[in-house]
PDB file of N, CA and C in Angstrom:
ATOM      1  N   MET A   1       0.848  -1.168   0.000  1.00  0.00           N
ATOM      2  CA  MET A   1       0.000   0.000   0.000  1.00  0.00           C
ATOM      3  C   MET A   1       0.893   1.230   0.000  1.00  0.00           C
ATOM      4  N   SER A   2       0.432   2.235  -0.670  1.00  0.00           N
ATOM      5  CA  SER A   2       1.225   3.452  -0.740  1.00  0.00           C
ATOM      6  C   SER A   2       1.220   4.184   0.599  1.00  0.00           C
ATOM      7  N   LYS A   3       2.257   4.943   0.794  1.00  0.00           N
ATOM      8  CA  LYS A   3       2.378   5.719   2.030  1.00  0.00           C
ATOM      9  C   LYS A   3       1.236   6.729   2.147  1.00  0.00           C
ATOM     10  N   ALA A   4       0.814   7.294   1.022  1.00  0.00           N
ATOM     11  CA  ALA A   4      -0.293   8.259   1.032  1.00  0.00           C
ATOM     12  C   ALA A   4      -1.591   7.601   1.496  1.00  0.00           C
ATOM     13  N   LYS A   5      -1.853   6.391   1.034  1.00  0.00           N
ATOM     14  CA  LYS A   5      -3.063   5.661   1.442  1.00  0.00           C
ATOM     15  C   LYS A   5      -3.016   5.332   2.932  1.00  0.00           C
ATOM     16  N   THR A   6      -1.846   4.926   3.418  1.00  0.00           N
ATOM     17  CA  THR A   6      -1.686   4.634   4.838  1.00  0.00           C
ATOM     18  C   THR A   6      -1.926   5.889   5.679  1.00  0.00           C
ATOM     19  N   GLU A   7      -1.398   7.015   5.245  1.00  0.00           N
ATOM     20  CA  GLU A   7      -1.603   8.279   5.967  1.00  0.00           C
ATOM     21  C   GLU A   7      -3.070   8.701   5.935  1.00  0.00           C
ATOM     22  N   ALA A   8      -3.744   8.487   4.810  1.00  0.00           N
ATOM     23  CA  ALA A   8      -5.171   8.812   4.719  1.00  0.00           C
ATOM     24  C   ALA A   8      -5.978   7.951   5.689  1.00  0.00           C
ATOM     25  N   ASN A   9      -5.646   6.655   5.783  1.00  0.00           N
ATOM     26  CA  ASN A   9      -6.326   5.770   6.731  1.00  0.00           C
ATOM     27  C   ASN A   9      -6.071   6.216   8.162  1.00  0.00           C
ATOM     28  N   LYS A  10      -4.839   6.621   8.464  1.00  0.00           N
ATOM     29  CA  LYS A  10      -4.512   7.090   9.814  1.00  0.00           C
ATOM     30  C   LYS A  10      -5.344   8.316  10.173  1.00  0.00           C
ATOM     31  N   THR A  11      -5.468   9.240   9.234  1.00  0.00           N
ATOM     32  CA  THR A  11      -6.261  10.441   9.474  1.00  0.00           C
ATOM     33  C   THR A  11      -7.723  10.102   9.724  1.00  0.00           C
ATOM     34  N   ARG A  12      -8.276   9.197   8.917  1.00  0.00           N
ATOM     35  CA  ARG A  12      -9.675   8.778   9.116  1.00  0.00           C
ATOM     36  C   ARG A  12      -9.874   8.143  10.486  1.00  0.00           C
ATOM     37  N   VAL A  13      -8.932   7.304  10.879  1.00  0.00           N
ATOM     38  CA  VAL A  13      -9.039   6.644  12.183  1.00  0.00           C
ATOM     39  C   VAL A  13      -8.990   7.688  13.297  1.00  0.00           C
ATOM     40  N   PHE A  14      -8.093   8.663  13.205  1.00  0.00           N
ATOM     41  CA  PHE A  14      -8.027   9.731  14.211  1.00  0.00           C
ATOM     42  C   PHE A  14      -9.371  10.443  14.337  1.00  0.00           C
ATOM     43  N   ILE A  15      -9.954  10.802  13.215  1.00  0.00           N
ATOM     44  CA  ILE A  15     -11.235  11.531  13.222  1.00  0.00           C
ATOM     45  C   ILE A  15     -12.336  10.675  13.826  1.00  0.00           C
ATOM     46  N   LEU A  16     -12.444   9.424  13.384  1.00  0.00           N
ATOM     47  CA  LEU A  16     -13.498   8.543  13.902  1.00  0.00           C
ATOM     48  C   LEU A  16     -13.280   8.204  15.369  1.00  0.00           C
ATOM     49  N   LYS A  17     -12.038   8.139  15.787  1.00  0.00           N
ATOM     50  CA  LYS A  17     -11.743   7.896  17.207  1.00  0.00           C
ATOM     51  C   LYS A  17     -12.241   9.065  18.056  1.00  0.00           C
ATOM     52  N   GLU A  18     -12.019  10.287  17.588  1.00  0.00           N
ATOM     53  CA  GLU A  18     -12.485  11.469  18.317  1.00  0.00           C
ATOM     54  C   GLU A  18     -13.998  11.498  18.428  1.00  0.00           C
ATOM     55  N   GLN A  19     -14.682  10.934  17.453  1.00  0.00           N
ATOM     56  CA  GLN A  19     -16.141  10.874  17.456  1.00  0.00           C
ATOM     57  C   GLN A  19     -16.666   9.659  18.216  1.00  0.00           C
ATOM     58  N   ASP A  20     -15.764   8.833  18.744  1.00  0.00           N
ATOM     59  CA  ASP A  20     -16.106   7.617  19.470  1.00  0.00           C
ATOM     60  C   ASP A  20     -17.006   6.697  18.630  1.00  0.00           C
ATOM     61  N   ALA A  21     -16.702   6.625  17.335  1.00  0.00           N
ATOM     62  CA  ALA A  21     -17.500   5.844  16.392  1.00  0.00           C
ATOM     63  C   ALA A  21     -16.972   4.419  16.282  1.00  0.00           C
ATOM     64  N   LYS A  22     -17.860   3.512  15.922  1.00  0.00           N
ATOM     65  CA  LYS A  22     -17.446   2.165  15.556  1.00  0.00           C
ATOM     66  C   LYS A  22     -16.908   2.250  14.137  1.00  0.00           C
ATOM     67  N   ILE A  23     -15.809   1.541  13.904  1.00  0.00           N
ATOM     68  CA  ILE A  23     -15.113   1.656  12.632  1.00  0.00           C
ATOM     69  C   ILE A  23     -15.068   0.299  11.939  1.00  0.00           C
ATOM     70  N   ARG A  24     -15.275   0.322  10.649  1.00  0.00           N
ATOM     71  CA  ARG A  24     -15.150  -0.877   9.812  1.00  0.00           C
ATOM     72  C   ARG A  24     -13.753  -0.863   9.207  1.00  0.00           C
ATOM     73  N   PHE A  25     -12.908  -1.764   9.686  1.00  0.00           N
ATOM     74  CA  PHE A  25     -11.547  -1.891   9.184  1.00  0.00           C
ATOM     75  C   PHE A  25     -11.526  -3.007   8.141  1.00  0.00           C
ATOM     76  N   SER A  26     -11.304  -2.654   6.892  1.00  0.00           N
ATOM     77  CA  SER A  26     -11.140  -3.661   5.840  1.00  0.00           C
ATOM     78  C   SER A  26      -9.667  -4.018   5.798  1.00  0.00           C
ATOM     79  N   MET A  27      -9.379  -5.254   6.111  1.00  0.00           N
ATOM     80  CA  MET A  27      -8.001  -5.706   6.215  1.00  0.00           C
ATOM     81  C   MET A  27      -7.512  -6.272   4.880  1.00  0.00           C
ATOM     82  N   LYS A  28      -6.210  -6.238   4.681  1.00  0.00           N
ATOM     83  CA  LYS A  28      -5.619  -6.847   3.489  1.00  0.00           C
ATOM     84  C   LYS A  28      -5.731  -8.362   3.539  1.00  0.00           C
ATOM     85  N   SER A  29      -5.684  -8.931   4.730  1.00  0.00           N
ATOM     86  CA  SER A  29      -5.734 -10.374   4.907  1.00  0.00           C
ATOM     87  C   SER A  29      -7.090 -10.931   4.485  1.00  0.00           C
ATOM     88  N   LYS A  30      -7.061 -11.973   3.693  1.00  0.00           N
ATOM     89  CA  LYS A  30      -8.306 -12.622   3.286  1.00  0.00           C
ATOM     90  C   LYS A  30      -8.867 -13.494   4.400  1.00  0.00           C
ATOM     91  N   ARG A  31      -8.028 -13.832   5.372  1.00  0.00           N
ATOM     92  CA  ARG A  31      -8.458 -14.652   6.505  1.00  0.00           C
ATOM     93  C   ARG A  31      -9.433 -13.890   7.403  1.00  0.00           C
ATOM     94  N   HIS A  32      -9.180 -12.626   7.634  1.00  0.00           N
ATOM     95  CA  HIS A  32     -10.065 -11.755   8.413  1.00  0.00           C
ATOM     96  C   HIS A  32     -10.217 -10.451   7.654  1.00  0.00           C
ATOM     97  N   PRO A  33     -11.052 -10.456   6.609  1.00  0.00           N
ATOM     98  CA  PRO A  33     -11.122  -9.284   5.740  1.00  0.00           C
ATOM     99  C   PRO A  33     -11.734  -8.041   6.382  1.00  0.00           C
ATOM    100  N   VAL A  34     -12.638  -8.208   7.385  1.00  0.00           N
ATOM    101  CA  VAL A  34     -13.300  -7.054   7.999  1.00  0.00           C
ATOM    102  C   VAL A  34     -13.327  -7.218   9.520  1.00  0.00           C
ATOM    103  N   ILE A  35     -12.996  -6.140  10.203  1.00  0.00           N
ATOM    104  CA  ILE A  35     -13.087  -6.106  11.664  1.00  0.00           C
ATOM    105  C   ILE A  35     -13.867  -4.855  12.040  1.00  0.00           C
ATOM    106  N   ILE A  36     -14.892  -5.017  12.874  1.00  0.00           N
ATOM    107  CA  ILE A  36     -15.647  -3.884  13.411  1.00  0.00           C
ATOM    108  C   ILE A  36     -15.113  -3.629  14.816  1.00  0.00           C
ATOM    109  N   ALA A  37     -14.591  -2.431  15.042  1.00  0.00           N
ATOM    110  CA  ALA A  37     -13.983  -2.127  16.345  1.00  0.00           C
ATOM    111  C   ALA A  37     -13.931  -0.618  16.543  1.00  0.00           C
ATOM    112  N   LYS A  38     -13.633  -0.233  17.758  1.00  0.00           N
ATOM    113  CA  LYS A  38     -13.339   1.169  18.049  1.00  0.00           C
ATOM    114  C   LYS A  38     -11.823   1.324  18.072  1.00  0.00           C
ATOM    115  N   ALA A  39     -11.371   2.513  17.769  1.00  0.00           N
ATOM    116  CA  ALA A  39      -9.932   2.768  17.754  1.00  0.00           C
ATOM    117  C   ALA A  39      -9.442   3.037  19.168  1.00  0.00           C
ATOM    118  N   GLY A  40      -8.355   2.397  19.512  1.00  0.00           N
ATOM    119  CA  GLY A  40      -7.697   2.627  20.784  1.00  0.00           C
ATOM    120  C   GLY A  40      -6.504   3.536  20.574  1.00  0.00           C
ATOM    121  N   GLU A  41      -5.428   3.229  21.264  1.00  0.00           N
ATOM    122  CA  GLU A  41      -4.260   4.086  21.152  1.00  0.00           C
ATOM    123  C   GLU A  41      -3.386   3.703  19.965  1.00  0.00           C
ATOM    124  N   PHE A  42      -2.662   4.697  19.464  1.00  0.00           N
ATOM    125  CA  PHE A  42      -1.693   4.484  18.401  1.00  0.00           C
ATOM    126  C   PHE A  42      -0.345   4.217  19.048  1.00  0.00           C
ATOM    127  N   LEU A  43       0.411   3.304  18.477  1.00  0.00           N
ATOM    128  CA  LEU A  43       1.736   2.960  18.979  1.00  0.00           C
ATOM    129  C   LEU A  43       2.758   3.395  17.930  1.00  0.00           C
ATOM    130  N   PHE A  44       3.480   4.480  18.235  1.00  0.00           N
ATOM    131  CA  PHE A  44       4.411   5.062  17.285  1.00  0.00           C
ATOM    132  C   PHE A  44       5.854   4.670  17.562  1.00  0.00           C
ATOM    133  N   ASP A  45       6.095   3.700  18.423  1.00  0.00           N
ATOM    134  CA  ASP A  45       7.448   3.393  18.880  1.00  0.00           C
ATOM    135  C   ASP A  45       8.288   2.595  17.888  1.00  0.00           C
ATOM    136  N   GLU A  46       7.748   2.176  16.779  1.00  0.00           N
ATOM    137  CA  GLU A  46       8.494   1.410  15.788  1.00  0.00           C
ATOM    138  C   GLU A  46       8.465   2.141  14.455  1.00  0.00           C
ATOM    139  N   ASP A  47       9.102   1.547  13.452  1.00  0.00           N
ATOM    140  CA  ASP A  47       9.096   2.139  12.115  1.00  0.00           C
ATOM    141  C   ASP A  47       7.691   2.204  11.538  1.00  0.00           C
ATOM    142  N   ASP A  48       6.907   1.157  11.767  1.00  0.00           N
ATOM    143  CA  ASP A  48       5.540   1.104  11.269  1.00  0.00           C
ATOM    144  C   ASP A  48       4.566   1.337  12.415  1.00  0.00           C
ATOM    145  N   THR A  49       3.630   2.247  12.219  1.00  0.00           N
ATOM    146  CA  THR A  49       2.645   2.576  13.237  1.00  0.00           C
ATOM    147  C   THR A  49       1.683   1.409  13.440  1.00  0.00           C
ATOM    148  N   LYS A  50       1.363   1.148  14.700  1.00  0.00           N
ATOM    149  CA  LYS A  50       0.362   0.144  15.063  1.00  0.00           C
ATOM    150  C   LYS A  50      -0.813   0.867  15.705  1.00  0.00           C
ATOM    151  N   ILE A  51      -1.950   0.213  15.691  1.00  0.00           N
ATOM    152  CA  ILE A  51      -3.136   0.744  16.349  1.00  0.00           C
ATOM    153  C   ILE A  51      -3.774  -0.378  17.160  1.00  0.00           C
ATOM    154  N   THR A  52      -4.248  -0.014  18.337  1.00  0.00           N
ATOM    155  CA  THR A  52      -4.967  -0.958  19.183  1.00  0.00           C
ATOM    156  C   THR A  52      -6.448  -0.853  18.841  1.00  0.00           C
ATOM    157  N   LEU A  53      -7.045  -1.977  18.478  1.00  0.00           N
ATOM    158  CA  LEU A  53      -8.472  -2.035  18.188  1.00  0.00           C
ATOM    159  C   LEU A  53      -9.195  -2.535  19.430  1.00  0.00           C
ATOM    160  N   LEU A  54     -10.284  -1.876  19.770  1.00  0.00           N
ATOM    161  CA  LEU A  54     -11.080  -2.234  20.942  1.00  0.00           C
ATOM    162  C   LEU A  54     -12.311  -2.998  20.470  1.00  0.00           C
ATOM    163  N   ARG A  55     -12.556  -4.136  21.046  1.00  0.00           N
ATOM    164  CA  ARG A  55     -13.618  -5.041  20.614  1.00  0.00           C
ATOM    165  C   ARG A  55     -15.009  -4.419  20.721  1.00  0.00           C
ATOM    166  N   CYS A  56     -15.807  -4.703  19.706  1.00  0.00           N
ATOM    167  CA  CYS A  56     -17.236  -4.390  19.709  1.00  0.00           C
ATOM    168  C   CYS A  56     -17.979  -5.720  19.598  1.00  0.00           C
ATOM    169  N   GLU A  57     -19.228  -5.727  19.971  1.00  0.00           N
ATOM    170  CA  GLU A  57     -19.988  -6.980  19.970  1.00  0.00           C
ATOM    171  C   GLU A  57     -20.206  -7.550  18.565  1.00  0.00           C
ATOM    172  N   GLU A  58     -20.018  -6.742  17.532  1.00  0.00           N
ATOM    173  CA  GLU A  58     -20.288  -7.177  16.169  1.00  0.00           C
ATOM    174  C   GLU A  58     -19.214  -8.065  15.548  1.00  0.00           C
ATOM    175  N   THR A  59     -18.091  -8.232  16.200  1.00  0.00           N
ATOM    176  CA  THR A  59     -17.009  -8.982  15.566  1.00  0.00           C
ATOM    177  C   THR A  59     -16.165  -9.741  16.581  1.00  0.00           C
ATOM    178  N   LEU A  60     -15.417 -10.680  16.068  1.00  0.00           N
ATOM    179  CA  LEU A  60     -14.402 -11.390  16.843  1.00  0.00           C
ATOM    180  C   LEU A  60     -13.056 -11.053  16.233  1.00  0.00           C
ATOM    181  N   PHE A  61     -12.060 -10.946  17.066  1.00  0.00           N
ATOM    182  CA  PHE A  61     -10.717 -10.701  16.568  1.00  0.00           C
ATOM    183  C   PHE A  61     -10.105 -12.004  16.068  1.00  0.00           C
ATOM    184  N   PRO A  62      -9.108 -11.904  15.198  1.00  0.00           N
ATOM    185  CA  PRO A  62      -8.426 -13.115  14.739  1.00  0.00           C
ATOM    186  C   PRO A  62      -7.898 -13.935  15.924  1.00  0.00           C
ATOM    187  N   ASN A  63      -8.026 -15.229  15.830  1.00  0.00           N
ATOM    188  CA  ASN A  63      -7.556 -16.180  16.853  1.00  0.00           C
ATOM    189  C   ASN A  63      -8.306 -16.067  18.176  1.00  0.00           C
ATOM    190  N   ASP A  64      -9.473 -15.446  18.201  1.00  0.00           N
ATOM    191  CA  ASP A  64     -10.275 -15.316  19.423  1.00  0.00           C
ATOM    192  C   ASP A  64     -11.554 -16.126  19.249  1.00  0.00           C
ATOM    193  N   ILE A  65     -11.490 -17.390  19.574  1.00  0.00           N
ATOM    194  CA  ILE A  65     -12.599 -18.303  19.344  1.00  0.00           C
ATOM    195  C   ILE A  65     -13.752 -18.054  20.305  1.00  0.00           C
ATOM    196  N   GLU A  66     -13.462 -17.722  21.542  1.00  0.00           N
ATOM    197  CA  GLU A  66     -14.493 -17.576  22.570  1.00  0.00           C
ATOM    198  C   GLU A  66     -15.034 -16.151  22.696  1.00  0.00           C
ATOM    199  N   GLY A  67     -14.486 -15.190  21.993  1.00  0.00           N
ATOM    200  CA  GLY A  67     -14.969 -13.814  22.062  1.00  0.00           C
ATOM    201  C   GLY A  67     -14.591 -13.104  23.345  1.00  0.00           C
ATOM    202  N   LYS A  68     -13.480 -13.484  23.955  1.00  0.00           N
ATOM    203  CA  LYS A  68     -13.067 -12.876  25.223  1.00  0.00           C
ATOM    204  C   LYS A  68     -11.944 -11.856  25.066  1.00  0.00           C
ATOM    205  N   GLN A  69     -11.314 -11.831  23.904  1.00  0.00           N
ATOM    206  CA  GLN A  69     -10.223 -10.883  23.669  1.00  0.00           C
ATOM    207  C   GLN A  69     -10.815  -9.490  23.495  1.00  0.00           C
ATOM    208  N   MET A  70     -10.388  -8.548  24.312  1.00  0.00           N
ATOM    209  CA  MET A  70     -10.969  -7.207  24.291  1.00  0.00           C
ATOM    210  C   MET A  70     -10.172  -6.214  23.440  1.00  0.00           C
ATOM    211  N   GLN A  71      -8.922  -6.547  23.118  1.00  0.00           N
ATOM    212  CA  GLN A  71      -8.085  -5.668  22.312  1.00  0.00           C
ATOM    213  C   GLN A  71      -7.304  -6.494  21.301  1.00  0.00           C
ATOM    214  N   HIS A  72      -6.965  -5.839  20.205  1.00  0.00           N
ATOM    215  CA  HIS A  72      -6.160  -6.484  19.172  1.00  0.00           C
ATOM    216  C   HIS A  72      -5.291  -5.408  18.542  1.00  0.00           C
ATOM    217  N   VAL A  73      -4.020  -5.695  18.362  1.00  0.00           N
ATOM    218  CA  VAL A  73      -3.093  -4.720  17.794  1.00  0.00           C
ATOM    219  C   VAL A  73      -2.781  -5.105  16.354  1.00  0.00           C
ATOM    220  N   VAL A  74      -2.905  -4.131  15.438  1.00  0.00           N
ATOM    221  CA  VAL A  74      -2.600  -4.360  14.023  1.00  0.00           C
ATOM    222  C   VAL A  74      -1.690  -3.244  13.519  1.00  0.00           C
ATOM    223  N   TYR A  75      -0.920  -3.574  12.499  1.00  0.00           N
ATOM    224  CA  TYR A  75      -0.140  -2.552  11.819  1.00  0.00           C
ATOM    225  C   TYR A  75      -1.071  -1.739  10.930  1.00  0.00           C
ATOM    226  N   LEU A  76      -0.879  -0.448  10.910  1.00  0.00           N
ATOM    227  CA  LEU A  76      -1.693   0.419  10.071  1.00  0.00           C
ATOM    228  C   LEU A  76      -1.533   0.049   8.600  1.00  0.00           C
ATOM    229  N   LYS A  77      -0.355  -0.405   8.214  1.00  0.00           N
ATOM    230  CA  LYS A  77      -0.106  -0.778   6.820  1.00  0.00           C
ATOM    231  C   LYS A  77      -0.888  -2.030   6.409  1.00  0.00           C
ATOM    232  N   ASP A  78      -1.404  -2.807   7.372  1.00  0.00           N
ATOM    233  CA  ASP A  78      -2.187  -4.004   7.070  1.00  0.00           C
ATOM    234  C   ASP A  78      -3.671  -3.715   6.896  1.00  0.00           C
ATOM    235  N   ILE A  79      -4.044  -2.455   7.035  1.00  0.00           N
ATOM    236  CA  ILE A  79      -5.438  -2.040   6.870  1.00  0.00           C
ATOM    237  C   ILE A  79      -5.606  -1.504   5.461  1.00  0.00           C
ATOM    238  N   ASN A  80      -6.582  -2.042   4.753  1.00  0.00           N
ATOM    239  CA  ASN A  80      -6.818  -1.635   3.375  1.00  0.00           C
ATOM    240  C   ASN A  80      -7.699  -0.390   3.297  1.00  0.00           C
ATOM    241  N   GLN A  81      -8.756  -0.339   4.126  1.00  0.00           N
ATOM    242  CA  GLN A  81      -9.685   0.782   4.081  1.00  0.00           C
ATOM    243  C   GLN A  81     -10.327   0.967   5.451  1.00  0.00           C
ATOM    244  N   VAL A  82     -10.679   2.220   5.755  1.00  0.00           N
ATOM    245  CA  VAL A  82     -11.307   2.577   7.024  1.00  0.00           C
ATOM    246  C   VAL A  82     -12.582   3.350   6.742  1.00  0.00           C
ATOM    247  N   ASP A  83     -13.696   2.917   7.326  1.00  0.00           N
ATOM    248  CA  ASP A  83     -14.985   3.607   7.151  1.00  0.00           C
ATOM    249  C   ASP A  83     -15.751   3.584   8.468  1.00  0.00           C
ATOM    250  N   ARG A  84     -16.652   4.545   8.630  1.00  0.00           N
ATOM    251  CA  ARG A  84     -17.575   4.523   9.769  1.00  0.00           C
ATOM    252  C   ARG A  84     -18.511   3.342   9.569  1.00  0.00           C
ATOM    253  N   TRP A  85     -18.721   2.574  10.642  1.00  0.00           N
ATOM    254  CA  TRP A  85     -19.609   1.420  10.540  1.00  0.00           C
ATOM    255  C   TRP A  85     -21.011   1.850  10.900  1.00  0.00           C
ATOM    256  N   THR A  86     -21.959   1.469  10.054  1.00  0.00           N
ATOM    257  CA  THR A  86     -23.372   1.719  10.326  1.00  0.00           C
ATOM    258  C   THR A  86     -24.120   0.410  10.151  1.00  0.00           C
ATOM    259  N   LYS A  87     -25.094   0.206  10.988  1.00  0.00           N
ATOM    260  CA  LYS A  87     -25.901  -1.019  10.907  1.00  0.00           C
ATOM    261  C   LYS A  87     -26.768  -0.994   9.698  1.00  0.00           C
TER     262      LYS A  87
END
């Protein structure tokens, strides 16, 4: 993904986080193509920015069979698209 697309996704996530909105994260991975979550904190301590996703009742995180995992960390570069989630 281009750096411009990654920066655009980061900006969208910042805005939706401020609005406390549920976000539809379209992932590059075909194994878990969509995750519905709220945005948590950004982790800028490495070369690639990570974001903590906070669980919503509408989805399960990867490798969470029982639905008990409350947070999941992903690289921003692994997110294909970010949109406000609406029912």
